Amino acid sequence: MPRLPRALLLLLAFVLAATGCGGCSGGGGPGGSATARLKRHFGLEKAGTPGEIREGLLRKVPAGTPEQAVIAFLGNSGIGKDGLSSWYPADEQNEIFCRIELDPASFGLVKESYGIGFRLDGNRNLLDIQIHKWSTGL
């Protein structure tokens, strides 16, 4: 079996350490991954897929919840208080939008961010929740 050059071994060790320590989801920084912070903010047990996040959020703020109660939920969840999350009042499309950003201080090759749209009906009550997830990095 041929021996690998030392530089290739060092590169391989770095790649293995990078994916083992922070994973591909950017887990290890002080704020943690966006998924971990999303779970913490909203008290969700499952957040593996956008569908799980939506279902968990709809259990916390069911359809029909008034706009002011949705805003209170976001405030009580700490959204906008950690520097890595924010929310915006309903726009002309009747959507309150929440963002949970990647933590630039965390380690990882690929990091995720979330956008959560709380869609309101004409009476300003929650109609549905839409989850948007995007990744940045390698």
Protein backbone atom coordinates (compact mmCIF):
# COMPACT_ATOMS: atom_id res chain seq x y z
CA MET A 1 0.00 0.00 0.00
CA PRO A 2 1.55 3.38 -1.02
CA ARG A 3 2.22 6.02 1.61
CA LEU A 4 0.45 9.39 1.37
CA PRO A 5 2.56 12.55 1.28
CA ARG A 6 2.72 14.44 4.60
CA ALA A 7 0.91 17.52 3.20
CA LEU A 8 -2.00 15.36 2.04
CA LEU A 9 -2.20 13.69 5.46
CA LEU A 10 -2.30 17.11 7.17
CA LEU A 11 -5.02 18.31 4.82
CA LEU A 12 -7.03 15.14 5.43
CA ALA A 13 -6.63 15.54 9.21
CA PHE A 14 -7.84 19.16 8.98
CA VAL A 15 -10.91 18.21 6.94
CA LEU A 16 -11.79 15.38 9.33
CA ALA A 17 -11.36 17.66 12.35
CA ALA A 18 -13.44 20.40 10.72
CA THR A 19 -16.35 18.13 9.94
CA GLY A 20 -16.09 16.33 13.27
CA CYS A 21 -15.90 19.41 15.51
CA GLY A 22 -18.42 21.71 13.91
CA GLY A 23 -20.16 19.45 11.49
CA CYS A 24 -21.53 20.76 8.27
CA SER A 25 -24.22 22.69 10.07
CA GLY A 26 -22.06 25.14 11.98
CA GLY A 27 -22.67 23.83 15.46
CA GLY A 28 -19.95 24.89 17.85
CA GLY A 29 -19.98 28.65 18.42
CA PRO A 30 -21.33 30.56 21.39
CA GLY A 31 -24.73 31.04 19.77
CA GLY A 32 -24.78 27.54 18.32
CA SER A 33 -26.23 26.64 14.99
CA ALA A 34 -29.30 28.45 13.72
CA THR A 35 -31.25 25.20 14.14
CA ALA A 36 -30.19 24.86 17.79
CA ARG A 37 -31.08 28.49 18.49
CA LEU A 38 -34.42 28.12 16.69
CA LYS A 39 -35.23 25.14 18.93
CA ARG A 40 -34.17 27.11 22.03
CA HIS A 41 -36.06 30.28 21.10
CA PHE A 42 -39.33 28.51 20.42
CA GLY A 43 -39.03 25.56 22.80
CA LEU A 44 -39.24 23.01 19.99
CA GLU A 45 -38.21 19.41 20.48
CA LYS A 46 -37.93 18.64 16.76
CA ALA A 47 -36.53 20.95 14.11
CA GLY A 48 -34.96 18.55 11.63
CA THR A 49 -37.12 19.63 8.72
CA PRO A 50 -39.11 22.74 7.81
CA GLY A 51 -42.26 20.61 8.25
CA GLU A 52 -41.32 19.72 11.84
CA ILE A 53 -40.61 23.37 12.61
CA ARG A 54 -43.94 24.47 11.14
CA GLU A 55 -45.87 21.83 13.06
CA GLY A 56 -44.11 22.72 16.31
CA LEU A 57 -44.77 26.43 15.86
CA LEU A 58 -48.42 25.86 14.99
CA ARG A 59 -48.78 24.00 18.30
CA LYS A 60 -47.42 27.11 20.08
CA VAL A 61 -49.35 29.69 18.01
CA PRO A 62 -52.27 27.96 16.28
CA ALA A 63 -54.09 29.27 13.25
CA GLY A 64 -56.53 31.98 14.33
CA THR A 65 -54.13 33.54 16.84
CA PRO A 66 -54.44 37.37 16.74
CA GLU A 67 -51.53 39.37 15.32
CA GLN A 68 -50.69 40.96 18.69
CA ALA A 69 -50.45 37.51 20.31
CA VAL A 70 -48.05 36.37 17.54
CA ILE A 71 -45.91 39.46 18.19
CA ALA A 72 -45.98 38.75 21.94
CA PHE A 73 -44.93 35.14 21.25
CA LEU A 74 -41.92 36.35 19.25
CA GLY A 75 -40.95 38.80 22.01
CA ASN A 76 -41.35 36.20 24.75
CA SER A 77 -39.23 33.81 22.68
CA GLY A 78 -36.31 36.25 22.73
CA ILE A 79 -36.39 36.97 19.02
CA GLY A 80 -34.44 40.17 18.36
CA LYS A 81 -32.60 40.11 21.68
CA ASP A 82 -29.56 37.97 20.80
CA GLY A 83 -28.17 39.85 17.80
CA LEU A 84 -28.66 36.78 15.61
CA SER A 85 -32.43 36.94 15.24
CA SER A 86 -34.97 39.57 14.28
CA TRP A 87 -38.61 40.03 13.36
CA TYR A 88 -40.43 42.53 11.18
CA PRO A 89 -44.05 43.71 11.49
CA ALA A 90 -46.65 42.58 9.00
CA ASP A 91 -46.09 44.02 5.54
CA GLU A 92 -48.50 44.73 2.69
CA GLN A 93 -48.79 40.96 2.17
CA ASN A 94 -49.96 40.46 5.78
CA GLU A 95 -46.86 38.57 6.83
CA ILE A 96 -44.84 38.98 10.02
CA PHE A 97 -41.34 37.83 9.12
CA CYS A 98 -38.80 36.38 11.55
CA ARG A 99 -35.16 35.65 10.76
CA ILE A 100 -32.78 33.39 12.64
CA GLU A 101 -29.33 33.95 11.20
CA LEU A 102 -26.21 31.84 11.12
CA ASP A 103 -23.69 32.56 13.86
CA PRO A 104 -20.55 33.86 12.13
CA ALA A 105 -18.49 32.95 15.22
CA SER A 106 -19.48 29.28 15.05
CA PHE A 107 -17.35 26.73 13.27
CA GLY A 108 -18.55 24.80 10.26
CA LEU A 109 -18.17 24.40 6.54
CA VAL A 110 -21.84 25.02 5.77
CA LYS A 111 -24.13 27.12 7.95
CA GLU A 112 -27.87 27.57 7.86
CA SER A 113 -30.26 30.44 8.41
CA TYR A 114 -34.05 30.49 8.69
CA GLY A 115 -36.82 32.79 7.62
CA ILE A 116 -40.22 32.22 9.18
CA GLY A 117 -43.29 33.86 7.71
CA PHE A 118 -46.34 34.20 9.95
CA ARG A 119 -49.12 34.76 7.37
CA LEU A 120 -52.15 36.70 8.57
CA ASP A 121 -55.67 36.72 7.16
CA GLY A 122 -57.77 39.82 6.42
CA ASN A 123 -58.80 40.03 10.09
CA ARG A 124 -55.13 40.04 11.19
CA ASN A 125 -55.27 36.54 12.64
CA LEU A 126 -52.68 33.86 11.95
CA LEU A 127 -53.51 31.92 8.80
CA ASP A 128 -50.38 29.79 8.36
CA ILE A 129 -46.66 29.60 9.01
CA GLN A 130 -44.08 29.16 6.25
CA ILE A 131 -40.52 28.04 6.95
CA HIS A 132 -37.64 29.01 4.66
CA LYS A 133 -34.19 27.50 5.22
CA TRP A 134 -31.06 28.41 3.32
CA SER A 135 -27.42 27.41 3.60
CA THR A 136 -24.21 29.30 3.04
CA GLY A 137 -20.63 28.07 2.81
CA LEU A 138 -18.92 25.33 0.88
